[in-house]
Amino acid sequence: MRYTILCYGHEDAVGSWSKEQEAEVMSGLEAVGERLTKAGKMGMSLRLLPTTSATTLRKSHNPPLVIDGPFAETKEQLLGLYIVDVRDLEDALEVARELGRANPHGAYEIRPVALYSPDRRHDAAS
């Protein structure tokens, strides 16, 4: 079963990490990712750019309103996500725990996902 693990954190805190802190966290996450990839559990992972680069389309207006910034005002921001293919929720929670040991900041939201539409690009394998 596929799950997404959404990574939330304080964007300002993560953005203020030193190069050494950033390298340490990313190295730990890479090690976890490599192990989970070899186990056939880890799929795609994405790191989102800062919320200052976000644009939101508010459909509640007619015509829809395009505004700069993230979708919602929150204390923690969605920083990235992982796609994992695991047995069940318990297995997904164990993956999130491993990621949490490598990056002890923020929170992980685990949510089952269904394939809505496959990537139809010809070069989607990359």
C-alpha atoms as a PDB file:
ATOM      1  CA  MET A   1       0.000   0.000   0.000  1.00  0.00           C
ATOM      2  CA  ARG A   2       1.241   3.494  -0.772  1.00  0.00           C
ATOM      3  CA  TYR A   3       1.456   6.186   1.866  1.00  0.00           C
ATOM      4  CA  THR A   4       2.695   9.711   1.734  1.00  0.00           C
ATOM      5  CA  ILE A   5       4.682  11.017   4.656  1.00  0.00           C
ATOM      6  CA  LEU A   6       4.280  14.781   4.784  1.00  0.00           C
ATOM      7  CA  CYS A   7       7.134  16.571   6.527  1.00  0.00           C
ATOM      8  CA  TYR A   8       6.150  19.682   8.500  1.00  0.00           C
ATOM      9  CA  GLY A   9       8.498  22.014  10.302  1.00  0.00           C
ATOM     10  CA  HIS A  10       9.288  25.599  11.142  1.00  0.00           C
ATOM     11  CA  GLU A  11      10.553  26.980   7.864  1.00  0.00           C
ATOM     12  CA  ASP A  12      12.460  29.847   9.504  1.00  0.00           C
ATOM     13  CA  ALA A  13      14.308  27.443  11.824  1.00  0.00           C
ATOM     14  CA  VAL A  14      15.245  25.059   8.999  1.00  0.00           C
ATOM     15  CA  GLY A  15      16.241  27.997   6.801  1.00  0.00           C
ATOM     16  CA  SER A  16      18.612  29.264   9.496  1.00  0.00           C
ATOM     17  CA  TRP A  17      20.572  26.009   9.824  1.00  0.00           C
ATOM     18  CA  SER A  18      24.291  26.299   9.274  1.00  0.00           C
ATOM     19  CA  LYS A  19      25.768  24.419   6.318  1.00  0.00           C
ATOM     20  CA  GLU A  20      27.049  21.848   8.801  1.00  0.00           C
ATOM     21  CA  GLN A  21      23.621  21.341  10.401  1.00  0.00           C
ATOM     22  CA  GLU A  22      21.997  21.048   6.981  1.00  0.00           C
ATOM     23  CA  ALA A  23      24.626  18.521   5.839  1.00  0.00           C
ATOM     24  CA  GLU A  24      24.201  16.438   8.999  1.00  0.00           C
ATOM     25  CA  VAL A  25      20.408  16.195   8.667  1.00  0.00           C
ATOM     26  CA  MET A  26      20.521  15.559   4.914  1.00  0.00           C
ATOM     27  CA  SER A  27      23.214  12.885   5.359  1.00  0.00           C
ATOM     28  CA  GLY A  28      21.058  11.108   7.925  1.00  0.00           C
ATOM     29  CA  LEU A  29      17.989  11.291   5.704  1.00  0.00           C
ATOM     30  CA  GLU A  30      19.994  10.032   2.716  1.00  0.00           C
ATOM     31  CA  ALA A  31      21.184   7.015   4.729  1.00  0.00           C
ATOM     32  CA  VAL A  32      17.613   6.186   5.750  1.00  0.00           C
ATOM     33  CA  GLY A  33      16.438   6.690   2.158  1.00  0.00           C
ATOM     34  CA  GLU A  34      19.115   4.379   0.741  1.00  0.00           C
ATOM     35  CA  ARG A  35      18.253   1.626   3.221  1.00  0.00           C
ATOM     36  CA  LEU A  36      14.515   1.954   2.549  1.00  0.00           C
ATOM     37  CA  THR A  37      15.101   2.015  -1.222  1.00  0.00           C
ATOM     38  CA  LYS A  38      17.051  -1.255  -0.989  1.00  0.00           C
ATOM     39  CA  ALA A  39      14.149  -2.692   1.043  1.00  0.00           C
ATOM     40  CA  GLY A  40      11.747  -1.691  -1.751  1.00  0.00           C
ATOM     41  CA  LYS A  41       9.829   0.760   0.447  1.00  0.00           C
ATOM     42  CA  MET A  42      11.054   4.230  -0.530  1.00  0.00           C
ATOM     43  CA  GLY A  43       9.659   5.926  -3.585  1.00  0.00           C
ATOM     44  CA  MET A  44       9.942   9.537  -4.591  1.00  0.00           C
ATOM     45  CA  SER A  45      10.827  12.209  -2.042  1.00  0.00           C
ATOM     46  CA  LEU A  46      10.442  15.910  -2.653  1.00  0.00           C
ATOM     47  CA  ARG A  47      11.721  18.953  -0.804  1.00  0.00           C
ATOM     48  CA  LEU A  48       9.550  22.003  -1.249  1.00  0.00           C
ATOM     49  CA  LEU A  49      11.052  25.426  -1.810  1.00  0.00           C
ATOM     50  CA  PRO A  50      10.206  28.109   0.807  1.00  0.00           C
ATOM     51  CA  THR A  51       6.637  29.349   1.156  1.00  0.00           C
ATOM     52  CA  THR A  52       7.852  32.722  -0.133  1.00  0.00           C
ATOM     53  CA  SER A  53       8.021  31.055  -3.561  1.00  0.00           C
ATOM     54  CA  ALA A  54       4.421  29.787  -3.353  1.00  0.00           C
ATOM     55  CA  THR A  55       1.462  31.074  -5.353  1.00  0.00           C
ATOM     56  CA  THR A  56      -2.133  30.265  -4.404  1.00  0.00           C
ATOM     57  CA  LEU A  57      -5.213  30.135  -6.605  1.00  0.00           C
ATOM     58  CA  ARG A  58      -8.283  30.922  -4.463  1.00  0.00           C
ATOM     59  CA  LYS A  59     -11.289  29.465  -6.225  1.00  0.00           C
ATOM     60  CA  SER A  60     -13.778  31.072  -3.843  1.00  0.00           C
ATOM     61  CA  HIS A  61     -13.600  34.243  -5.930  1.00  0.00           C
ATOM     62  CA  ASN A  62     -15.132  34.799  -9.364  1.00  0.00           C
ATOM     63  CA  PRO A  63     -12.909  34.948 -11.283  1.00  0.00           C
ATOM     64  CA  PRO A  64     -10.434  32.922  -9.188  1.00  0.00           C
ATOM     65  CA  LEU A  65      -7.910  35.064  -7.337  1.00  0.00           C
ATOM     66  CA  VAL A  66      -4.163  34.445  -7.732  1.00  0.00           C
ATOM     67  CA  ILE A  67      -2.118  35.560  -4.717  1.00  0.00           C
ATOM     68  CA  ASP A  68       1.483  35.231  -3.591  1.00  0.00           C
ATOM     69  CA  GLY A  69       2.164  32.970  -0.675  1.00  0.00           C
ATOM     70  CA  PRO A  70       1.197  29.636   0.824  1.00  0.00           C
ATOM     71  CA  PHE A  71      -2.267  28.118   1.003  1.00  0.00           C
ATOM     72  CA  ALA A  72      -2.772  28.577   4.755  1.00  0.00           C
ATOM     73  CA  GLU A  73      -1.390  30.578   7.637  1.00  0.00           C
ATOM     74  CA  THR A  74       0.220  28.046   9.950  1.00  0.00           C
ATOM     75  CA  LYS A  75       2.959  27.878  12.554  1.00  0.00           C
ATOM     76  CA  GLU A  76       4.549  24.933  10.768  1.00  0.00           C
ATOM     77  CA  GLN A  77       4.876  24.675   7.011  1.00  0.00           C
ATOM     78  CA  LEU A  78       4.806  21.690   4.687  1.00  0.00           C
ATOM     79  CA  LEU A  79       8.493  21.298   3.835  1.00  0.00           C
ATOM     80  CA  GLY A  80       8.452  18.163   1.716  1.00  0.00           C
ATOM     81  CA  LEU A  81       7.051  14.687   1.279  1.00  0.00           C
ATOM     82  CA  TYR A  82       7.984  11.072   0.806  1.00  0.00           C
ATOM     83  CA  ILE A  83       6.093   8.410  -1.107  1.00  0.00           C
ATOM     84  CA  VAL A  84       6.511   4.963   0.442  1.00  0.00           C
ATOM     85  CA  ASP A  85       5.202   1.561  -0.588  1.00  0.00           C
ATOM     86  CA  VAL A  86       4.751  -0.472   2.581  1.00  0.00           C
ATOM     87  CA  ARG A  87       2.641  -3.289   4.007  1.00  0.00           C
ATOM     88  CA  ASP A  88       0.343  -1.209   6.215  1.00  0.00           C
ATOM     89  CA  LEU A  89       0.063   1.829   8.497  1.00  0.00           C
ATOM     90  CA  GLU A  90       2.360   0.303  11.125  1.00  0.00           C
ATOM     91  CA  ASP A  91       5.081  -0.131   8.503  1.00  0.00           C
ATOM     92  CA  ALA A  92       4.538   3.488   7.343  1.00  0.00           C
ATOM     93  CA  LEU A  93       4.824   4.667  10.954  1.00  0.00           C
ATOM     94  CA  GLU A  94       8.125   2.816  11.314  1.00  0.00           C
ATOM     95  CA  VAL A  95       9.444   4.579   8.183  1.00  0.00           C
ATOM     96  CA  ALA A  96       8.341   7.930   9.669  1.00  0.00           C
ATOM     97  CA  ARG A  97      10.074   7.055  12.952  1.00  0.00           C
ATOM     98  CA  GLU A  98      13.308   6.329  11.072  1.00  0.00           C
ATOM     99  CA  LEU A  99      13.042   9.623   9.208  1.00  0.00           C
ATOM    100  CA  GLY A 100      12.342  11.325  12.534  1.00  0.00           C
ATOM    101  CA  ARG A 101      15.490   9.914  14.081  1.00  0.00           C
ATOM    102  CA  ALA A 102      17.494  11.365  11.170  1.00  0.00           C
ATOM    103  CA  ASN A 103      15.668  14.717  11.335  1.00  0.00           C
ATOM    104  CA  PRO A 104      14.263  15.313  14.832  1.00  0.00           C
ATOM    105  CA  HIS A 105      12.570  18.605  13.916  1.00  0.00           C
ATOM    106  CA  GLY A 106       8.897  19.149  13.128  1.00  0.00           C
ATOM    107  CA  ALA A 107       6.248  16.518  12.537  1.00  0.00           C
ATOM    108  CA  TYR A 108       5.326  13.865  10.008  1.00  0.00           C
ATOM    109  CA  GLU A 109       1.761  13.313   8.808  1.00  0.00           C
ATOM    110  CA  ILE A 110       1.161   9.849   7.385  1.00  0.00           C
ATOM    111  CA  ARG A 111      -1.691   9.504   4.922  1.00  0.00           C
ATOM    112  CA  PRO A 112      -2.660   6.679   2.558  1.00  0.00           C
ATOM    113  CA  VAL A 113      -2.650   7.626  -1.104  1.00  0.00           C
ATOM    114  CA  ALA A 114      -4.234   6.223  -4.229  1.00  0.00           C
ATOM    115  CA  LEU A 115      -2.861   6.704  -7.713  1.00  0.00           C
ATOM    116  CA  TYR A 116      -4.998   9.378  -9.300  1.00  0.00           C
ATOM    117  CA  SER A 117      -3.129   9.675 -12.552  1.00  0.00           C
ATOM    118  CA  PRO A 118       0.202   8.161 -13.526  1.00  0.00           C
ATOM    119  CA  ASP A 119       2.969  10.382 -14.832  1.00  0.00           C
ATOM    120  CA  ARG A 120       2.229  10.383 -18.546  1.00  0.00           C
ATOM    121  CA  ARG A 121       5.404  12.098 -19.718  1.00  0.00           C
ATOM    122  CA  HIS A 122       7.638  10.019 -21.946  1.00  0.00           C
ATOM    123  CA  ASP A 123      10.674  10.668 -19.720  1.00  0.00           C
ATOM    124  CA  ALA A 124       8.861   9.961 -16.428  1.00  0.00           C
ATOM    125  CA  ALA A 125      11.369   7.305 -15.400  1.00  0.00           C
ATOM    126  CA  SER A 126      13.913   9.969 -14.417  1.00  0.00           C
END
